[in-house]
């Protein structure tokens, strides 16, 4: 389930607009896993691919979790006459 936050639209004032987390963790996991599998395969063959895949995914997760302690949430106003999109940052919850 995606993490959500609530904010008011800065353009039309609609209250309780739901925003969704956009932290890029899935992308970082995929890039890390792909790079790890490539390097592992070149260095150690088939067993290196499996080990590199696992290590790369762990490295990608660590990189995605590091940062300034805030998480980006994207909002889109559901009001048909507004449709404003904005971003707010909230503190990261452990």
Protein backbone atom coordinates (compact mmCIF):
# COMPACT_ATOMS: atom_id res chain seq x y z
CA UNK A 1 0.00 0.00 0.00
CA UNK A 2 1.33 3.39 -0.95
CA UNK A 3 2.06 5.98 1.69
CA UNK A 4 -0.21 9.01 1.50
CA UNK A 5 -0.44 12.49 3.00
CA UNK A 6 -3.17 15.12 2.91
CA UNK A 7 -2.80 18.75 1.79
CA UNK A 8 -5.04 21.59 0.65
CA UNK A 9 -4.86 22.79 -2.95
CA UNK A 10 -2.89 26.06 -3.10
CA UNK A 11 -4.78 27.19 -6.23
CA UNK A 12 -8.49 26.58 -5.56
CA UNK A 13 -8.39 25.84 -1.82
CA UNK A 14 -9.96 22.38 -1.99
CA UNK A 15 -9.37 20.64 1.33
CA UNK A 16 -8.00 17.14 1.99
CA UNK A 17 -6.36 16.33 -1.34
CA UNK A 18 -4.52 13.00 -1.11
CA UNK A 19 -0.88 12.92 -2.20
CA UNK A 20 1.29 9.87 -2.88
CA UNK A 21 4.90 9.20 -1.96
CA UNK A 22 7.48 9.61 -4.66
CA UNK A 23 10.85 8.54 -3.24
CA UNK A 24 12.32 6.65 -6.19
CA UNK A 25 13.22 3.61 -4.07
CA UNK A 26 11.96 1.13 -6.68
CA UNK A 27 14.07 2.76 -9.37
CA UNK A 28 17.19 2.75 -7.19
CA UNK A 29 16.65 -0.93 -6.33
CA UNK A 30 16.35 -1.82 -10.03
CA UNK A 31 19.41 0.15 -11.11
CA UNK A 32 21.51 -1.30 -8.29
CA UNK A 33 20.40 -4.85 -9.04
CA UNK A 34 21.11 -4.50 -12.77
CA UNK A 35 24.56 -3.03 -12.23
CA UNK A 36 25.42 -5.67 -9.62
CA UNK A 37 24.32 -8.52 -11.87
CA UNK A 38 26.35 -7.15 -14.79
CA UNK A 39 29.54 -6.72 -12.78
CA UNK A 40 29.06 -10.03 -10.96
CA UNK A 41 28.52 -11.85 -14.24
CA UNK A 42 31.64 -10.36 -15.79
CA UNK A 43 33.78 -11.14 -12.76
CA UNK A 44 32.51 -14.54 -11.58
CA UNK A 45 30.15 -15.96 -14.20
CA UNK A 46 26.70 -17.38 -13.36
CA UNK A 47 27.22 -17.46 -9.60
CA UNK A 48 28.48 -13.89 -9.77
CA UNK A 49 25.24 -12.81 -11.45
CA UNK A 50 23.18 -14.08 -8.51
CA UNK A 51 25.51 -12.59 -5.91
CA UNK A 52 25.79 -9.31 -7.83
CA UNK A 53 22.01 -9.09 -8.20
CA UNK A 54 21.53 -9.44 -4.45
CA UNK A 55 24.36 -7.08 -3.49
CA UNK A 56 23.32 -4.51 -6.08
CA UNK A 57 19.74 -4.46 -4.80
CA UNK A 58 21.00 -3.93 -1.24
CA UNK A 59 23.26 -1.09 -2.38
CA UNK A 60 20.39 0.54 -4.29
CA UNK A 61 18.18 0.37 -1.19
CA UNK A 62 20.87 1.97 0.96
CA UNK A 63 21.34 4.80 -1.52
CA UNK A 64 17.59 5.43 -1.75
CA UNK A 65 17.24 5.47 2.05
CA UNK A 66 20.03 7.99 2.52
CA UNK A 67 19.24 11.64 2.07
CA UNK A 68 18.13 14.75 3.88
CA UNK A 69 15.38 13.04 5.88
CA UNK A 70 12.45 14.29 3.81
CA UNK A 71 10.13 12.50 1.41
CA UNK A 72 8.47 13.99 -1.66
CA UNK A 73 4.70 13.64 -2.05
CA UNK A 74 2.91 14.52 -5.29
CA UNK A 75 -0.60 15.93 -5.22
CA UNK A 76 -3.20 16.50 -7.94
CA UNK A 77 -6.39 18.42 -7.22
CA UNK A 78 -9.51 16.37 -8.14
CA UNK A 79 -11.55 19.51 -8.82
CA UNK A 80 -12.36 19.36 -12.59
CA UNK A 81 -12.01 23.12 -13.01
CA UNK A 82 -8.61 23.21 -11.26
CA UNK A 83 -6.50 20.02 -11.82
CA UNK A 84 -3.52 21.75 -10.15
CA UNK A 85 -0.46 19.58 -9.46
CA UNK A 86 2.04 20.34 -6.69
CA UNK A 87 4.74 18.74 -4.58
CA UNK A 88 5.23 18.94 -0.81
CA UNK A 89 8.00 17.52 1.33
CA UNK A 90 7.29 15.80 4.65
CA UNK A 91 9.76 14.42 7.21
CA UNK A 92 10.71 10.79 6.72
CA UNK A 93 8.98 8.48 9.21
CA UNK A 94 11.10 5.59 10.47
